[in-house]
Protein backbone atom coordinates (compact mmCIF):
# COMPACT_ATOMS: atom_id res chain seq x y z
CA MET A 1 -11.98 -3.27 -13.89
CA SER A 2 -11.99 -2.03 -10.81
CA GLU A 3 -8.56 -2.05 -8.08
CA GLN A 4 -9.99 -4.11 -6.14
CA HIS A 5 -11.24 -7.48 -8.36
CA ILE A 6 -6.58 -7.10 -9.06
CA THR A 7 -4.84 -9.43 -7.18
CA TRP A 8 -0.53 -9.36 -6.42
CA HIS A 9 0.27 -12.32 -7.04
CA PRO A 10 4.47 -13.55 -5.36
CA SER A 11 6.29 -15.56 -6.72
CA GLN A 12 7.68 -18.36 -5.25
CA ILE A 13 11.24 -17.42 -5.42
CA GLY A 14 12.33 -14.12 -4.11
CA ARG A 15 14.81 -11.14 -4.59
CA GLU A 16 17.08 -12.15 -2.16
CA ASP A 17 16.68 -16.16 -3.86
CA ARG A 18 17.95 -14.05 -7.46
CA CYS A 19 20.86 -12.44 -6.08
CA ARG A 20 21.89 -15.40 -4.53
CA LEU A 21 22.60 -16.79 -7.68
CA ASN A 22 23.91 -13.92 -9.04
CA LYS A 23 26.39 -13.67 -6.41
CA HIS A 24 26.05 -9.95 -5.69
CA LYS A 25 22.72 -7.88 -5.07
CA SER A 26 20.36 -5.68 -6.10
CA CYS A 27 19.94 -1.94 -6.77
CA VAL A 28 19.39 1.43 -8.60
CA LEU A 29 21.63 3.97 -9.54
CA TRP A 30 19.26 6.44 -11.19
CA LEU A 31 21.20 9.10 -12.85
CA THR A 32 19.70 12.69 -12.51
CA GLY A 33 21.03 15.79 -14.56
CA LEU A 34 20.62 18.20 -16.56
CA SER A 35 20.72 17.02 -20.60
CA GLY A 36 24.25 16.54 -21.94
CA SER A 37 26.14 16.31 -19.15
CA GLY A 38 27.20 13.00 -19.84
CA LYS A 39 24.05 10.23 -18.27
CA SER A 40 24.01 7.86 -20.86
CA THR A 41 27.94 7.90 -21.12
CA LEU A 42 27.92 6.64 -18.02
CA ALA A 43 25.26 4.28 -17.52
CA TYR A 44 26.98 2.40 -20.51
CA GLU A 45 30.47 2.16 -19.57
CA ILE A 46 28.86 1.02 -15.79
CA GLU A 47 27.07 -1.32 -17.59
CA LYS A 48 30.10 -2.63 -19.47
CA GLU A 49 31.94 -2.90 -15.85
CA LEU A 50 29.93 -4.59 -14.28
CA PHE A 51 29.72 -7.37 -16.63
CA ASN A 52 33.33 -7.39 -17.06
CA LEU A 53 32.85 -7.95 -12.91
CA ASN A 54 29.91 -10.72 -13.86
CA CYS A 55 27.14 -8.70 -12.07
CA ARG A 56 23.87 -9.07 -13.91
CA SER A 57 22.29 -5.19 -15.20
CA TYR A 58 20.53 -3.14 -17.97
CA VAL A 59 20.34 0.23 -17.98
CA LEU A 60 17.15 2.22 -18.86
CA ASP A 61 18.10 4.92 -21.31
CA GLY A 62 15.47 8.04 -21.23
CA ASP A 63 15.59 8.41 -25.19
CA ASN A 64 15.47 4.10 -25.52
CA ILE A 65 12.18 4.08 -23.02
CA ARG A 66 10.42 6.88 -25.21
CA HIS A 67 10.73 4.99 -27.99
CA GLY A 68 8.38 2.87 -26.51
CA LEU A 69 7.12 2.36 -23.33
CA ASN A 70 6.78 6.59 -22.58
CA ARG A 71 5.99 6.81 -26.87
CA ASN A 72 2.45 8.62 -25.49
CA LEU A 73 3.87 11.56 -22.94
CA GLY A 74 5.69 14.46 -23.54
CA PHE A 75 7.58 17.24 -21.24
CA SER A 76 5.42 19.02 -19.25
CA PRO A 77 5.28 18.32 -15.67
CA GLU A 78 2.42 15.84 -15.34
CA ASP A 79 4.08 13.95 -18.28
CA ARG A 80 7.51 13.85 -16.86
CA LYS A 81 6.57 12.99 -14.25
CA GLU A 82 4.09 10.16 -15.52
CA ASN A 83 7.71 9.04 -17.43
CA ASN A 84 9.18 9.26 -13.86
CA ARG A 85 6.95 6.62 -12.12
CA ARG A 86 6.57 4.57 -15.19
CA ILE A 87 10.64 3.76 -14.57
CA ALA A 88 10.55 3.78 -11.54
CA GLU A 89 7.90 0.78 -11.65
CA THR A 90 10.10 -0.14 -14.37
CA ALA A 91 13.41 -0.57 -12.72
CA LYS A 92 12.05 -1.72 -9.23
CA LEU A 93 10.77 -5.34 -11.80
CA PHE A 94 14.63 -5.98 -12.55
CA VAL A 95 15.63 -5.21 -8.88
CA ASP A 96 13.65 -7.90 -7.91
CA ALA A 97 14.99 -9.82 -10.59
CA GLY A 98 18.32 -9.57 -8.97
CA ILE A 99 19.80 -6.85 -12.13
CA VAL A 100 21.91 -4.11 -10.96
CA THR A 101 18.88 -1.96 -12.90
CA VAL A 102 21.30 1.86 -14.05
CA THR A 103 19.04 4.49 -14.95
CA ALA A 104 19.49 7.74 -17.36
CA PHE A 105 17.50 10.35 -18.36
CA ILE A 106 16.08 13.87 -17.05
CA SER A 107 14.16 13.47 -14.04
CA PRO A 108 14.43 17.44 -13.68
CA TYR A 109 12.17 17.07 -10.15
CA ARG A 110 12.92 16.74 -6.50
CA ALA A 111 9.35 15.69 -5.91
CA ASP A 112 9.18 13.24 -8.51
CA ARG A 113 12.97 11.31 -7.37
CA ASP A 114 11.22 11.40 -4.23
CA MET A 115 8.60 9.04 -5.44
CA ALA A 116 11.13 7.04 -7.18
CA ARG A 117 12.91 6.70 -4.39
CA SER A 118 9.50 5.66 -2.25
CA ILE A 119 9.32 3.44 -4.54
CA PHE A 120 11.83 1.24 -3.80
CA GLY A 121 13.45 -0.47 -0.38
CA ASN A 122 15.80 0.87 1.93
CA GLY A 123 19.10 0.44 0.68
CA ASN A 124 17.79 -0.38 -2.62
CA PHE A 125 17.81 2.85 -4.36
CA ILE A 126 20.99 5.46 -5.06
CA GLU A 127 20.37 9.25 -6.38
CA ILE A 128 23.48 9.36 -8.49
CA TYR A 129 23.28 13.42 -9.34
CA VAL A 130 25.96 13.78 -12.60
CA LYS A 131 26.48 17.83 -12.20
CA CYS A 132 27.75 19.90 -14.57
CA SER A 133 27.05 23.42 -16.03
CA LEU A 134 25.07 24.18 -17.77
CA GLY A 135 27.57 26.66 -19.78
CA GLU A 136 29.56 22.96 -20.74
CA CYS A 137 26.47 21.33 -21.65
CA GLU A 138 25.30 23.49 -23.65
CA ARG A 139 28.82 23.24 -25.59
CA ARG A 140 28.66 19.95 -25.82
CA ASP A 141 24.64 20.19 -27.47
CA PRO A 142 25.37 16.29 -28.29
CA LYS A 143 21.98 15.92 -29.86
CA GLY A 144 21.51 19.78 -31.18
CA LEU A 145 19.18 20.68 -28.19
CA TYR A 146 19.83 23.35 -26.63
CA LYS A 147 19.95 25.36 -29.99
CA LYS A 148 17.14 23.95 -30.87
CA ALA A 149 15.49 25.46 -27.03
CA LYS A 150 17.07 28.44 -27.82
CA ALA A 151 15.89 28.95 -31.21
CA GLY A 152 11.94 28.15 -29.66
CA GLU A 153 11.49 25.11 -31.85
CA ILE A 154 12.14 22.37 -28.57
CA LEU A 155 9.56 23.94 -25.83
CA GLU A 156 9.78 23.10 -22.10
CA PHE A 157 13.75 22.06 -22.35
CA THR A 158 15.40 21.39 -19.36
CA GLY A 159 17.65 24.31 -18.23
CA ILE A 160 16.33 27.02 -20.73
CA SER A 161 12.49 27.08 -20.83
CA ALA A 162 11.77 25.19 -17.64
CA PRO A 163 13.40 23.70 -14.32
CA TYR A 164 16.13 21.27 -13.14
CA GLU A 165 16.69 21.10 -9.57
CA PRO A 166 19.24 19.75 -8.07
CA PRO A 167 19.69 15.97 -5.33
CA LEU A 168 20.31 18.24 -2.25
CA ARG A 169 21.28 14.78 -0.63
CA PRO A 170 22.35 12.33 -3.35
CA GLU A 171 24.48 9.57 -2.52
CA ILE A 172 26.83 9.95 -5.04
CA ILE A 173 28.10 13.93 -7.26
CA ILE A 174 29.82 13.15 -10.41
CA GLU A 175 31.07 16.19 -12.04
CA SER A 176 31.25 15.39 -15.38
CA ASP A 177 32.54 18.49 -17.14
CA ARG A 178 35.86 17.97 -14.32
CA GLN A 179 36.46 14.35 -14.77
CA PRO A 180 37.10 11.85 -16.87
CA VAL A 181 34.43 9.56 -17.60
CA SER A 182 36.55 5.68 -16.48
CA GLU A 183 36.99 8.30 -12.80
CA SER A 184 33.26 8.60 -12.59
CA VAL A 185 32.75 4.83 -12.62
CA ALA A 186 35.31 3.67 -10.32
CA GLN A 187 33.28 6.16 -8.63
CA ILE A 188 30.60 4.68 -8.38
CA LEU A 189 32.07 1.04 -9.12
CA ASP A 190 34.10 1.91 -5.54
CA PHE A 191 30.58 2.93 -3.69
CA LEU A 192 28.93 -0.50 -4.75
CA LEU A 193 31.81 -2.19 -3.25
CA PHE A 194 32.22 -0.56 -0.24
CA HIS A 195 28.11 -1.31 0.14
CA ASN A 196 28.66 -4.99 -0.45
CA TYR A 197 26.01 -4.00 -3.57
CA ILE A 198 28.97 -6.27 -5.50
CA PHE A 199 31.70 -8.29 -4.58
CA LYS A 200 35.47 -8.91 -6.76
CA GLU A 201 36.34 -11.87 -7.77
CA ILE A 202 39.68 -13.04 -6.19
CA PRO A 203 41.72 -14.24 -8.84
CA ASP A 204 43.68 -17.53 -8.45
CA ARG A 205 47.33 -17.29 -7.86
CA SER A 206 47.43 -21.51 -7.29
């Protein structure tokens, strides 16, 4: 079916209505970094802390997405671009639903991340660079992927046989090889609080 025959059907309930109901704003926290840098660990810790603050949140983890929605994609630059696009479009639906959405996948190319940012409105895309040296990521190697990549068992592996382009102006930089997860989570929550995405409930002292 041609796109000219497809019509967008707007909802009678807008994102602002959902955010008002939730008592917090929605956005996407776009975690990017090398494999082993700690993106998934950080994403799920953020989700847990947001839950404790009564904020509706959800993690779109790169590996999980490739089990389903993106299972037909490989790791060529073209497939990585499409992987980015699909995750961005999915995350936008979550953000429109009023949910703080955390994505955790490598997204190695700046152009692809810029494309993802363009899908969201101003202030809705928060790029978080989970910075970790390649040496430390190789040392951790939680999935044994670097070892396999160096042995030639995995092709087009970011950091070994494929490039990673660090963000130039991310909203947040997390140095995961220098700070504990708890400090990293606090840094991100402080950003959300400072920019009024979320609000801490004032305890009842009566």
